[in-house]
Amino acid sequence: MILLLPFIKVLIVITLLFGLWVLLGGSVLFAFISIVITGLLLVRQHDFI
């Protein structure tokens, strides 16, 4: 269960970013920024383990 917590956190962040992306009209730039933010979060999660 403890191993799933970082994964659940990342899923929540992705869901929030996707919701914002849809609200802002689905701009390509914002999608790219979201991917970069998600990638950085994933890298940081792996550093903690």
PDB file of N, CA and C in Angstrom:
ATOM      1  N   MET A   1       0.834  -1.205   0.000  1.00  0.00           N
ATOM      2  CA  MET A   1       0.000   0.000   0.000  1.00  0.00           C
ATOM      3  C   MET A   1       0.874   1.263   0.000  1.00  0.00           C
ATOM      4  N   ILE A   2       1.959   1.241   0.781  1.00  0.00           N
ATOM      5  CA  ILE A   2       2.855   2.403   0.864  1.00  0.00           C
ATOM      6  C   ILE A   2       3.495   2.680  -0.495  1.00  0.00           C
ATOM      7  N   LEU A   3       3.806   1.608  -1.250  1.00  0.00           N
ATOM      8  CA  LEU A   3       4.412   1.769  -2.571  1.00  0.00           C
ATOM      9  C   LEU A   3       3.453   2.432  -3.558  1.00  0.00           C
ATOM     10  N   LEU A   4       2.150   2.268  -3.344  1.00  0.00           N
ATOM     11  CA  LEU A   4       1.147   2.840  -4.249  1.00  0.00           C
ATOM     12  C   LEU A   4       0.940   4.338  -4.029  1.00  0.00           C
ATOM     13  N   LEU A   5       1.276   4.842  -2.846  1.00  0.00           N
ATOM     14  CA  LEU A   5       1.010   6.252  -2.527  1.00  0.00           C
ATOM     15  C   LEU A   5       1.640   7.240  -3.505  1.00  0.00           C
ATOM     16  N   PRO A   6       2.925   7.117  -3.862  1.00  0.00           N
ATOM     17  CA  PRO A   6       3.492   8.055  -4.846  1.00  0.00           C
ATOM     18  C   PRO A   6       2.771   7.972  -6.185  1.00  0.00           C
ATOM     19  N   PHE A   7       2.378   6.765  -6.583  1.00  0.00           N
ATOM     20  CA  PHE A   7       1.677   6.566  -7.851  1.00  0.00           C
ATOM     21  C   PHE A   7       0.317   7.252  -7.827  1.00  0.00           C
ATOM     22  N   ILE A   8      -0.400   7.129  -6.700  1.00  0.00           N
ATOM     23  CA  ILE A   8      -1.711   7.776  -6.553  1.00  0.00           C
ATOM     24  C   ILE A   8      -1.548   9.295  -6.596  1.00  0.00           C
ATOM     25  N   LYS A   9      -0.476   9.798  -5.943  1.00  0.00           N
ATOM     26  CA  LYS A   9      -0.209  11.241  -5.955  1.00  0.00           C
ATOM     27  C   LYS A   9       0.004  11.744  -7.384  1.00  0.00           C
ATOM     28  N   VAL A  10       0.787  10.999  -8.162  1.00  0.00           N
ATOM     29  CA  VAL A  10       1.043  11.371  -9.558  1.00  0.00           C
ATOM     30  C   VAL A  10      -0.252  11.342 -10.364  1.00  0.00           C
ATOM     31  N   LEU A  11      -1.093  10.326 -10.134  1.00  0.00           N
ATOM     32  CA  LEU A  11      -2.374  10.233 -10.842  1.00  0.00           C
ATOM     33  C   LEU A  11      -3.256  11.438 -10.542  1.00  0.00           C
ATOM     34  N   ILE A  12      -3.291  11.865  -9.279  1.00  0.00           N
ATOM     35  CA  ILE A  12      -4.088  13.034  -8.891  1.00  0.00           C
ATOM     36  C   ILE A  12      -3.577  14.280  -9.609  1.00  0.00           C
ATOM     37  N   VAL A  13      -2.245  14.450  -9.653  1.00  0.00           N
ATOM     38  CA  VAL A  13      -1.651  15.606 -10.332  1.00  0.00           C
ATOM     39  C   VAL A  13      -2.000  15.595 -11.816  1.00  0.00           C
ATOM     40  N   ILE A  14      -1.877  14.418 -12.459  1.00  0.00           N
ATOM     41  CA  ILE A  14      -2.201  14.301 -13.886  1.00  0.00           C
ATOM     42  C   ILE A  14      -3.666  14.664 -14.125  1.00  0.00           C
ATOM     43  N   THR A  15      -4.560  14.172 -13.249  1.00  0.00           N
ATOM     44  CA  THR A  15      -5.992  14.459 -13.388  1.00  0.00           C
ATOM     45  C   THR A  15      -6.268  15.954 -13.264  1.00  0.00           C
ATOM     46  N   LEU A  16      -5.633  16.604 -12.281  1.00  0.00           N
ATOM     47  CA  LEU A  16      -5.814  18.048 -12.095  1.00  0.00           C
ATOM     48  C   LEU A  16      -5.289  18.831 -13.294  1.00  0.00           C
ATOM     49  N   LEU A  17      -4.109  18.453 -13.785  1.00  0.00           N
ATOM     50  CA  LEU A  17      -3.533  19.139 -14.945  1.00  0.00           C
ATOM     51  C   LEU A  17      -4.413  18.952 -16.178  1.00  0.00           C
ATOM     52  N   PHE A  18      -4.953  17.746 -16.350  1.00  0.00           N
ATOM     53  CA  PHE A  18      -5.821  17.485 -17.503  1.00  0.00           C
ATOM     54  C   PHE A  18      -7.103  18.306 -17.408  1.00  0.00           C
ATOM     55  N   GLY A  19      -7.655  18.415 -16.188  1.00  0.00           N
ATOM     56  CA  GLY A  19      -8.841  19.247 -15.969  1.00  0.00           C
ATOM     57  C   GLY A  19      -8.574  20.709 -16.321  1.00  0.00           C
ATOM     58  N   LEU A  20      -7.417  21.229 -15.888  1.00  0.00           N
ATOM     59  CA  LEU A  20      -7.025  22.603 -16.222  1.00  0.00           C
ATOM     60  C   LEU A  20      -6.857  22.769 -17.725  1.00  0.00           C
ATOM     61  N   TRP A  21      -6.230  21.767 -18.354  1.00  0.00           N
ATOM     62  CA  TRP A  21      -5.988  21.801 -19.803  1.00  0.00           C
ATOM     63  C   TRP A  21      -7.309  21.912 -20.568  1.00  0.00           C
ATOM     64  N   VAL A  22      -8.305  21.124 -20.157  1.00  0.00           N
ATOM     65  CA  VAL A  22      -9.624  21.163 -20.807  1.00  0.00           C
ATOM     66  C   VAL A  22     -10.284  22.528 -20.582  1.00  0.00           C
ATOM     67  N   LEU A  23     -10.186  23.058 -19.354  1.00  0.00           N
ATOM     68  CA  LEU A  23     -10.776  24.365 -19.041  1.00  0.00           C
ATOM     69  C   LEU A  23     -10.144  25.485 -19.861  1.00  0.00           C
ATOM     70  N   LEU A  24      -8.839  25.376 -20.121  1.00  0.00           N
ATOM     71  CA  LEU A  24      -8.134  26.426 -20.857  1.00  0.00           C
ATOM     72  C   LEU A  24      -8.227  26.245 -22.369  1.00  0.00           C
ATOM     73  N   GLY A  25      -9.052  25.312 -22.817  1.00  0.00           N
ATOM     74  CA  GLY A  25      -9.285  25.147 -24.250  1.00  0.00           C
ATOM     75  C   GLY A  25      -8.317  24.198 -24.927  1.00  0.00           C
ATOM     76  N   GLY A  26      -7.556  23.446 -24.145  1.00  0.00           N
ATOM     77  CA  GLY A  26      -6.692  22.418 -24.721  1.00  0.00           C
ATOM     78  C   GLY A  26      -5.556  22.962 -25.560  1.00  0.00           C
ATOM     79  N   SER A  27      -4.870  23.998 -25.075  1.00  0.00           N
ATOM     80  CA  SER A  27      -3.751  24.547 -25.838  1.00  0.00           C
ATOM     81  C   SER A  27      -2.560  23.586 -25.826  1.00  0.00           C
ATOM     82  N   VAL A  28      -1.841  23.545 -26.944  1.00  0.00           N
ATOM     83  CA  VAL A  28      -0.704  22.633 -27.093  1.00  0.00           C
ATOM     84  C   VAL A  28       0.410  23.006 -26.116  1.00  0.00           C
ATOM     85  N   LEU A  29       0.635  24.310 -25.939  1.00  0.00           N
ATOM     86  CA  LEU A  29       1.686  24.779 -25.033  1.00  0.00           C
ATOM     87  C   LEU A  29       1.423  24.303 -23.609  1.00  0.00           C
ATOM     88  N   PHE A  30       0.177  24.438 -23.160  1.00  0.00           N
ATOM     89  CA  PHE A  30      -0.153  24.011 -21.799  1.00  0.00           C
ATOM     90  C   PHE A  30      -0.013  22.500 -21.651  1.00  0.00           C
ATOM     91  N   ALA A  31      -0.370  21.753 -22.698  1.00  0.00           N
ATOM     92  CA  ALA A  31      -0.205  20.296 -22.670  1.00  0.00           C
ATOM     93  C   ALA A  31       1.272  19.944 -22.510  1.00  0.00           C
ATOM     94  N   PHE A  32       2.142  20.639 -23.232  1.00  0.00           N
ATOM     95  CA  PHE A  32       3.587  20.407 -23.151  1.00  0.00           C
ATOM     96  C   PHE A  32       4.106  20.715 -21.743  1.00  0.00           C
ATOM     97  N   ILE A  33       3.659  21.847 -21.171  1.00  0.00           N
ATOM     98  CA  ILE A  33       4.063  22.226 -19.811  1.00  0.00           C
ATOM     99  C   ILE A  33       3.606  21.160 -18.813  1.00  0.00           C
ATOM    100  N   SER A  34       2.390  20.658 -18.981  1.00  0.00           N
ATOM    101  CA  SER A  34       1.858  19.622 -18.097  1.00  0.00           C
ATOM    102  C   SER A  34       2.707  18.363 -18.152  1.00  0.00           C
ATOM    103  N   ILE A  35       3.114  17.970 -19.365  1.00  0.00           N
ATOM    104  CA  ILE A  35       3.950  16.779 -19.538  1.00  0.00           C
ATOM    105  C   ILE A  35       5.294  16.972 -18.842  1.00  0.00           C
ATOM    106  N   VAL A  36       5.880  18.169 -18.984  1.00  0.00           N
ATOM    107  CA  VAL A  36       7.169  18.460 -18.341  1.00  0.00           C
ATOM    108  C   VAL A  36       7.036  18.391 -16.820  1.00  0.00           C
ATOM    109  N   ILE A  37       5.981  19.009 -16.274  1.00  0.00           N
ATOM    110  CA  ILE A  37       5.753  18.998 -14.823  1.00  0.00           C
ATOM    111  C   ILE A  37       5.584  17.562 -14.331  1.00  0.00           C
ATOM    112  N   THR A  38       4.779  16.773 -15.052  1.00  0.00           N
ATOM    113  CA  THR A  38       4.549  15.377 -14.673  1.00  0.00           C
ATOM    114  C   THR A  38       5.847  14.582 -14.721  1.00  0.00           C
ATOM    115  N   GLY A  39       6.647  14.806 -15.760  1.00  0.00           N
ATOM    116  CA  GLY A  39       7.939  14.126 -15.886  1.00  0.00           C
ATOM    117  C   GLY A  39       8.861  14.453 -14.724  1.00  0.00           C
ATOM    118  N   LEU A  40       8.917  15.733 -14.349  1.00  0.00           N
ATOM    119  CA  LEU A  40       9.756  16.144 -13.219  1.00  0.00           C
ATOM    120  C   LEU A  40       9.285  15.496 -11.922  1.00  0.00           C
ATOM    121  N   LEU A  41       7.967  15.423 -11.723  1.00  0.00           N
ATOM    122  CA  LEU A  41       7.427  14.778 -10.527  1.00  0.00           C
ATOM    123  C   LEU A  41       7.811  13.306 -10.484  1.00  0.00           C
ATOM    124  N   LEU A  42       7.714  12.622 -11.637  1.00  0.00           N
ATOM    125  CA  LEU A  42       8.071  11.203 -11.698  1.00  0.00           C
ATOM    126  C   LEU A  42       9.545  10.995 -11.381  1.00  0.00           C
ATOM    127  N   VAL A  43      10.408  11.857 -11.910  1.00  0.00           N
ATOM    128  CA  VAL A  43      11.849  11.754 -11.646  1.00  0.00           C
ATOM    129  C   VAL A  43      12.125  11.967 -10.159  1.00  0.00           C
ATOM    130  N   ARG A  44      11.472  12.941  -9.557  1.00  0.00           N
ATOM    131  CA  ARG A  44      11.667  13.223  -8.127  1.00  0.00           C
ATOM    132  C   ARG A  44      11.168  12.067  -7.274  1.00  0.00           C
ATOM    133  N   GLN A  45      10.055  11.430  -7.671  1.00  0.00           N
ATOM    134  CA  GLN A  45       9.535  10.273  -6.937  1.00  0.00           C
ATOM    135  C   GLN A  45      10.577   9.159  -6.921  1.00  0.00           C
ATOM    136  N   HIS A  46      11.214   8.916  -8.073  1.00  0.00           N
ATOM    137  CA  HIS A  46      12.206   7.845  -8.168  1.00  0.00           C
ATOM    138  C   HIS A  46      13.447   8.175  -7.342  1.00  0.00           C
ATOM    139  N   ASP A  47      13.785   9.458  -7.214  1.00  0.00           N
ATOM    140  CA  ASP A  47      14.942   9.855  -6.410  1.00  0.00           C
ATOM    141  C   ASP A  47      14.727   9.558  -4.926  1.00  0.00           C
ATOM    142  N   PHE A  48      13.480   9.678  -4.462  1.00  0.00           N
ATOM    143  CA  PHE A  48      13.185   9.454  -3.047  1.00  0.00           C
ATOM    144  C   PHE A  48      13.282   7.980  -2.670  1.00  0.00           C
ATOM    145  N   ILE A  49      13.006   7.094  -3.618  1.00  0.00           N
ATOM    146  CA  ILE A  49      12.987   5.645  -3.330  1.00  0.00           C
ATOM    147  C   ILE A  49      14.389   5.099  -3.140  1.00  0.00           C
TER     148      ILE A  49
END
